[in-house]
Amino acid sequence: MTVVIITSPASALAEELAFVPEHHLPAVVVLIVGHDASPELVLDAANLLEHAITVSWAHRLPDMRRFTLDHYLDLAQHFHYDDLFHEALRLRGDLRHVDFLATTVERHLLTTLQQHR
């Protein structure tokens, strides 16, 4: 029997959740634990969210055409990752809901942009 001792569980978890913006990591961990999410569900939800942001960018409104995909991804992840990830978890990471989540992304970003004008 081999025993592996992780000296810093928090850093190991942070490495596994490297796709999560660091300032959203505590909230995302709470969501994962609260949903008793399996590693597969976590990855499915993260994948759904990334696809939804991309779909949202592809269908963005004229006011948002100035944003490149990278900038759009950065904005969505920086300001709303935990809320959007929560919704992706609730949707069980099911890609059939990508359009619904893309609309949610757009709504969040429009609200953020209006607040920062």
N, C-alpha and C. Protein backbone atom coordinates (compact mmCIF):
# COMPACT_ATOMS: atom_id res chain seq x y z
N MET A 1 0.84 -1.18 0.00
CA MET A 1 0.00 0.00 0.00
C MET A 1 0.89 1.24 0.00
N THR A 2 0.60 2.15 -0.90
CA THR A 2 1.35 3.39 -0.99
C THR A 2 0.53 4.52 -0.41
N VAL A 3 1.13 5.29 0.44
CA VAL A 3 0.46 6.44 1.03
C VAL A 3 1.10 7.69 0.46
N VAL A 4 0.28 8.58 -0.05
CA VAL A 4 0.76 9.84 -0.58
C VAL A 4 0.31 10.93 0.37
N ILE A 5 1.25 11.69 0.84
CA ILE A 5 0.94 12.79 1.75
C ILE A 5 1.04 14.09 0.96
N ILE A 6 -0.05 14.80 0.92
CA ILE A 6 -0.05 16.10 0.26
C ILE A 6 0.24 17.13 1.34
N THR A 7 1.35 17.84 1.17
CA THR A 7 1.74 18.81 2.19
C THR A 7 0.87 20.05 2.17
N SER A 8 0.30 20.35 1.04
CA SER A 8 -0.56 21.52 0.96
C SER A 8 -1.80 21.20 0.14
N PRO A 9 -2.85 20.71 0.79
CA PRO A 9 -4.05 20.35 0.04
C PRO A 9 -4.64 21.52 -0.75
N ALA A 10 -4.52 22.72 -0.19
CA ALA A 10 -5.08 23.89 -0.88
C ALA A 10 -4.35 24.12 -2.20
N SER A 11 -3.04 23.95 -2.22
CA SER A 11 -2.32 24.17 -3.47
C SER A 11 -2.62 23.07 -4.47
N ALA A 12 -2.83 21.84 -4.01
CA ALA A 12 -3.19 20.74 -4.91
C ALA A 12 -4.56 21.01 -5.52
N LEU A 13 -5.50 21.48 -4.72
CA LEU A 13 -6.83 21.80 -5.22
C LEU A 13 -6.75 22.96 -6.21
N ALA A 14 -5.95 23.96 -5.90
CA ALA A 14 -5.80 25.10 -6.80
C ALA A 14 -5.23 24.65 -8.14
N GLU A 15 -4.33 23.68 -8.12
CA GLU A 15 -3.77 23.16 -9.38
C GLU A 15 -4.84 22.43 -10.18
N GLU A 16 -5.69 21.66 -9.52
CA GLU A 16 -6.75 20.93 -10.21
C GLU A 16 -7.81 21.88 -10.76
N LEU A 17 -7.98 23.01 -10.13
CA LEU A 17 -8.96 24.00 -10.57
C LEU A 17 -8.28 25.21 -11.20
N ALA A 18 -7.21 24.96 -11.93
CA ALA A 18 -6.42 26.04 -12.54
C ALA A 18 -7.24 26.87 -13.52
N PHE A 19 -8.33 26.34 -14.03
CA PHE A 19 -9.17 27.07 -14.97
C PHE A 19 -10.02 28.14 -14.29
N VAL A 20 -10.07 28.12 -12.96
CA VAL A 20 -10.88 29.07 -12.20
C VAL A 20 -10.04 30.30 -11.87
N PRO A 21 -10.55 31.50 -12.16
CA PRO A 21 -9.81 32.71 -11.75
C PRO A 21 -9.56 32.66 -10.24
N GLU A 22 -8.37 33.01 -9.84
CA GLU A 22 -7.95 32.84 -8.45
C GLU A 22 -8.88 33.51 -7.45
N HIS A 23 -9.38 34.70 -7.76
CA HIS A 23 -10.24 35.40 -6.81
C HIS A 23 -11.64 34.77 -6.70
N HIS A 24 -11.98 33.87 -7.61
CA HIS A 24 -13.25 33.15 -7.53
C HIS A 24 -13.09 31.75 -6.94
N LEU A 25 -11.86 31.33 -6.70
CA LEU A 25 -11.59 29.97 -6.24
C LEU A 25 -12.32 29.61 -4.95
N PRO A 26 -12.31 30.44 -3.91
CA PRO A 26 -13.03 30.05 -2.68
C PRO A 26 -14.53 29.82 -2.94
N ALA A 27 -15.16 30.69 -3.70
CA ALA A 27 -16.59 30.54 -3.97
C ALA A 27 -16.86 29.29 -4.81
N VAL A 28 -15.98 29.00 -5.76
CA VAL A 28 -16.17 27.82 -6.61
C VAL A 28 -16.00 26.55 -5.79
N VAL A 29 -15.05 26.53 -4.87
CA VAL A 29 -14.87 25.35 -4.02
C VAL A 29 -16.11 25.13 -3.17
N VAL A 30 -16.68 26.20 -2.63
CA VAL A 30 -17.92 26.08 -1.84
C VAL A 30 -19.05 25.51 -2.72
N LEU A 31 -19.12 25.98 -3.97
CA LEU A 31 -20.15 25.46 -4.88
C LEU A 31 -19.96 23.98 -5.15
N ILE A 32 -18.72 23.57 -5.38
CA ILE A 32 -18.42 22.17 -5.67
C ILE A 32 -18.80 21.29 -4.48
N VAL A 33 -18.41 21.72 -3.30
CA VAL A 33 -18.73 20.95 -2.09
C VAL A 33 -20.23 20.96 -1.84
N GLY A 34 -20.85 22.11 -2.00
CA GLY A 34 -22.29 22.23 -1.76
C GLY A 34 -23.13 21.39 -2.71
N HIS A 35 -22.64 21.21 -3.93
CA HIS A 35 -23.35 20.38 -4.91
C HIS A 35 -22.87 18.93 -4.87
N ASP A 36 -21.91 18.66 -3.98
CA ASP A 36 -21.32 17.32 -3.91
C ASP A 36 -20.95 16.85 -5.32
N ALA A 37 -20.30 17.77 -6.05
CA ALA A 37 -19.99 17.53 -7.47
C ALA A 37 -18.80 16.61 -7.63
N SER A 38 -18.96 15.66 -8.51
CA SER A 38 -17.86 14.75 -8.85
C SER A 38 -16.86 15.50 -9.72
N PRO A 39 -15.64 15.00 -9.81
CA PRO A 39 -14.66 15.65 -10.71
C PRO A 39 -15.17 15.74 -12.15
N GLU A 40 -15.91 14.72 -12.59
CA GLU A 40 -16.45 14.75 -13.95
C GLU A 40 -17.45 15.87 -14.12
N LEU A 41 -18.32 16.07 -13.13
CA LEU A 41 -19.30 17.14 -13.21
C LEU A 41 -18.61 18.50 -13.20
N VAL A 42 -17.59 18.65 -12.38
CA VAL A 42 -16.85 19.91 -12.33
C VAL A 42 -16.27 20.24 -13.71
N LEU A 43 -15.65 19.24 -14.33
CA LEU A 43 -15.07 19.47 -15.66
C LEU A 43 -16.15 19.71 -16.71
N ASP A 44 -17.26 19.00 -16.62
CA ASP A 44 -18.37 19.22 -17.55
C ASP A 44 -18.93 20.64 -17.40
N ALA A 45 -19.08 21.09 -16.17
CA ALA A 45 -19.59 22.44 -15.92
C ALA A 45 -18.62 23.50 -16.44
N ALA A 46 -17.33 23.30 -16.20
CA ALA A 46 -16.33 24.24 -16.70
C ALA A 46 -16.32 24.27 -18.22
N ASN A 47 -16.47 23.11 -18.84
CA ASN A 47 -16.52 23.01 -20.30
C ASN A 47 -17.77 23.71 -20.84
N LEU A 48 -18.91 23.46 -20.22
CA LEU A 48 -20.14 24.12 -20.63
C LEU A 48 -19.99 25.63 -20.53
N LEU A 49 -19.41 26.10 -19.45
CA LEU A 49 -19.25 27.54 -19.26
C LEU A 49 -18.34 28.13 -20.33
N GLU A 50 -17.24 27.48 -20.63
CA GLU A 50 -16.33 28.01 -21.66
C GLU A 50 -17.03 28.06 -23.01
N HIS A 51 -17.77 27.03 -23.34
CA HIS A 51 -18.51 27.03 -24.61
C HIS A 51 -19.58 28.12 -24.62
N ALA A 52 -20.26 28.29 -23.50
CA ALA A 52 -21.31 29.31 -23.42
C ALA A 52 -20.74 30.71 -23.60
N ILE A 53 -19.59 30.97 -23.03
CA ILE A 53 -18.96 32.29 -23.20
C ILE A 53 -18.61 32.50 -24.67
N THR A 54 -18.10 31.46 -25.32
CA THR A 54 -17.75 31.56 -26.73
C THR A 54 -18.99 31.78 -27.60
N VAL A 55 -20.06 31.05 -27.31
CA VAL A 55 -21.32 31.23 -28.05
C VAL A 55 -21.85 32.64 -27.82
N SER A 56 -21.79 33.10 -26.59
CA SER A 56 -22.26 34.44 -26.27
C SER A 56 -21.47 35.49 -27.05
N TRP A 57 -20.16 35.29 -27.14
CA TRP A 57 -19.32 36.22 -27.91
C TRP A 57 -19.71 36.19 -29.40
N ALA A 58 -19.95 35.02 -29.94
CA ALA A 58 -20.29 34.90 -31.36
C ALA A 58 -21.61 35.59 -31.68
N HIS A 59 -22.51 35.65 -30.70
CA HIS A 59 -23.83 36.26 -30.90
C HIS A 59 -23.95 37.61 -30.20
N ARG A 60 -22.81 38.20 -29.86
CA ARG A 60 -22.84 39.43 -29.05
C ARG A 60 -23.54 40.58 -29.78
N LEU A 61 -24.07 41.47 -28.99
CA LEU A 61 -24.77 42.64 -29.50
C LEU A 61 -23.79 43.62 -30.11
N PRO A 62 -24.28 44.51 -30.98
CA PRO A 62 -23.37 45.48 -31.62
C PRO A 62 -22.52 46.28 -30.63
N ASP A 63 -23.07 46.62 -29.48
CA ASP A 63 -22.31 47.37 -28.47
C ASP A 63 -21.09 46.60 -27.97
N MET A 64 -21.11 45.30 -28.14
CA MET A 64 -20.03 44.47 -27.60
C MET A 64 -19.11 43.94 -28.70
N ARG A 65 -19.29 44.40 -29.92
CA ARG A 65 -18.48 43.91 -31.04
C ARG A 65 -17.01 44.33 -30.92
N ARG A 66 -16.73 45.31 -30.12
CA ARG A 66 -15.34 45.78 -29.98
C ARG A 66 -14.46 44.78 -29.22
N PHE A 67 -15.08 43.82 -28.54
CA PHE A 67 -14.32 42.86 -27.74
C PHE A 67 -13.89 41.66 -28.58
N THR A 68 -12.61 41.33 -28.47
CA THR A 68 -12.12 40.09 -29.06
C THR A 68 -12.62 38.94 -28.19
N LEU A 69 -12.51 37.73 -28.71
CA LEU A 69 -12.93 36.57 -27.92
C LEU A 69 -12.15 36.50 -26.62
N ASP A 70 -10.84 36.71 -26.68
CA ASP A 70 -10.03 36.65 -25.46
C ASP A 70 -10.47 37.69 -24.44
N HIS A 71 -10.74 38.90 -24.90
CA HIS A 71 -11.16 39.96 -23.99
C HIS A 71 -12.52 39.62 -23.39
N TYR A 72 -13.42 39.12 -24.20
CA TYR A 72 -14.76 38.73 -23.76
C TYR A 72 -14.67 37.62 -22.70
N LEU A 73 -13.83 36.61 -22.98
CA LEU A 73 -13.61 35.53 -22.01
C LEU A 73 -13.07 36.09 -20.69
N ASP A 74 -12.09 36.98 -20.80
CA ASP A 74 -11.50 37.58 -19.60
C ASP A 74 -12.54 38.34 -18.79
N LEU A 75 -13.37 39.13 -19.46
CA LEU A 75 -14.40 39.89 -18.76
C LEU A 75 -15.39 38.97 -18.04
N ALA A 76 -15.89 38.00 -18.75
CA ALA A 76 -16.87 37.08 -18.16
C ALA A 76 -16.27 36.33 -16.98
N GLN A 77 -15.06 35.84 -17.15
CA GLN A 77 -14.44 35.06 -16.09
C GLN A 77 -14.04 35.94 -14.91
N HIS A 78 -13.53 37.12 -15.18
CA HIS A 78 -13.08 37.99 -14.08
C HIS A 78 -14.25 38.45 -13.21
N PHE A 79 -15.32 38.85 -13.84
CA PHE A 79 -16.42 39.43 -13.08
C PHE A 79 -17.48 38.42 -12.63
N HIS A 80 -17.66 37.33 -13.36
CA HIS A 80 -18.84 36.50 -13.11
C HIS A 80 -18.58 35.01 -13.04
N TYR A 81 -17.34 34.57 -12.94
CA TYR A 81 -17.07 33.14 -13.03
C TYR A 81 -17.87 32.33 -12.01
N ASP A 82 -17.88 32.76 -10.77
CA ASP A 82 -18.56 31.96 -9.75
C ASP A 82 -20.06 31.84 -10.01
N ASP A 83 -20.71 32.93 -10.39
CA ASP A 83 -22.15 32.87 -10.68
C ASP A 83 -22.43 31.99 -11.91
N LEU A 84 -21.62 32.15 -12.93
CA LEU A 84 -21.82 31.37 -14.15
C LEU A 84 -21.49 29.90 -13.94
N PHE A 85 -20.45 29.63 -13.16
CA PHE A 85 -20.10 28.25 -12.85
C PHE A 85 -21.22 27.59 -12.04
N HIS A 86 -21.79 28.35 -11.12
CA HIS A 86 -22.92 27.83 -10.33
C HIS A 86 -24.06 27.42 -11.25
N GLU A 87 -24.36 28.26 -12.23
CA GLU A 87 -25.43 27.93 -13.17
C GLU A 87 -25.05 26.70 -14.01
N ALA A 88 -23.80 26.61 -14.42
CA ALA A 88 -23.34 25.45 -15.19
C ALA A 88 -23.44 24.17 -14.37
N LEU A 89 -23.14 24.26 -13.08
CA LEU A 89 -23.32 23.10 -12.20
C LEU A 89 -24.79 22.71 -12.10
N ARG A 90 -25.63 23.72 -11.94
CA ARG A 90 -27.06 23.47 -11.83
C ARG A 90 -27.59 22.79 -13.10
N LEU A 91 -27.00 23.14 -14.23
CA LEU A 91 -27.38 22.55 -15.51
C LEU A 91 -26.67 21.22 -15.76
N ARG A 92 -25.93 20.76 -14.74
CA ARG A 92 -25.23 19.47 -14.77
C ARG A 92 -24.17 19.39 -15.88
N GLY A 93 -23.69 20.56 -16.34
CA GLY A 93 -22.66 20.57 -17.38
C GLY A 93 -23.15 20.06 -18.72
N ASP A 94 -24.44 20.04 -18.90
CA ASP A 94 -25.05 19.48 -20.11
C ASP A 94 -24.95 20.49 -21.26
N LEU A 95 -24.23 20.13 -22.30
CA LEU A 95 -24.01 21.04 -23.43
C LEU A 95 -25.29 21.38 -24.18
N ARG A 96 -26.36 20.66 -23.95
CA ARG A 96 -27.63 21.00 -24.58
C ARG A 96 -28.16 22.35 -24.07
N HIS A 97 -27.59 22.83 -22.95
CA HIS A 97 -28.03 24.09 -22.36
C HIS A 97 -27.08 25.24 -22.68
N VAL A 98 -26.22 25.06 -23.66
CA VAL A 98 -25.21 26.08 -23.95
C VAL A 98 -25.84 27.40 -24.36
N ASP A 99 -26.93 27.37 -25.13
CA ASP A 99 -27.56 28.62 -25.55
C ASP A 99 -28.18 29.36 -24.36
N PHE A 100 -28.80 28.61 -23.46
CA PHE A 100 -29.36 29.24 -22.26
C PHE A 100 -28.26 29.91 -21.44
N LEU A 101 -27.16 29.19 -21.22
CA LEU A 101 -26.07 29.76 -20.42
C LEU A 101 -25.40 30.92 -21.17
N ALA A 102 -25.33 30.85 -22.48
CA ALA A 102 -24.76 31.96 -23.27
C ALA A 102 -25.59 33.23 -23.08
N THR A 103 -26.90 33.09 -23.02
CA THR A 103 -27.77 34.24 -22.77
C THR A 103 -27.53 34.79 -21.37
N THR A 104 -27.30 33.92 -20.42
CA THR A 104 -26.99 34.35 -19.06
C THR A 104 -25.66 35.11 -19.02
N VAL A 105 -24.67 34.62 -19.74
CA VAL A 105 -23.37 35.30 -19.83
C VAL A 105 -23.58 36.71 -20.37
N GLU A 106 -24.30 36.81 -21.47
CA GLU A 106 -24.54 38.12 -22.09
C GLU A 106 -25.24 39.07 -21.12
N ARG A 107 -26.24 38.58 -20.43
CA ARG A 107 -26.98 39.41 -19.48
C ARG A 107 -26.05 39.93 -18.37
N HIS A 108 -25.21 39.05 -17.84
CA HIS A 108 -24.27 39.47 -16.80
C HIS A 108 -23.29 40.52 -17.31
N LEU A 109 -22.76 40.29 -18.50
CA LEU A 109 -21.78 41.24 -19.04
C LEU A 109 -22.41 42.59 -19.37
N LEU A 110 -23.61 42.59 -19.89
CA LEU A 110 -24.28 43.86 -20.17
C LEU A 110 -24.50 44.65 -18.89
N THR A 111 -24.90 43.98 -17.84
CA THR A 111 -25.09 44.64 -16.55
C THR A 111 -23.76 45.21 -16.04
N THR A 112 -22.69 44.44 -16.16
CA THR A 112 -21.37 44.91 -15.71
C THR A 112 -20.91 46.12 -16.50
N LEU A 113 -21.07 46.07 -17.81
CA LEU A 113 -20.64 47.18 -18.65
C LEU A 113 -21.45 48.44 -18.37
N GLN A 114 -22.73 48.30 -18.08
CA GLN A 114 -23.56 49.45 -17.76
C GLN A 114 -23.13 50.06 -16.43
N GLN A 115 -22.72 49.25 -15.48
CA GLN A 115 -22.29 49.74 -14.17
C GLN A 115 -20.94 50.45 -14.25
N HIS A 116 -20.11 50.11 -15.24
CA HIS A 116 -18.76 50.67 -15.33
C HIS A 116 -18.64 51.77 -16.37
N ARG A 117 -19.75 52.32 -16.79
CA ARG A 117 -19.70 53.43 -17.76
C ARG A 117 -19.52 54.73 -17.06
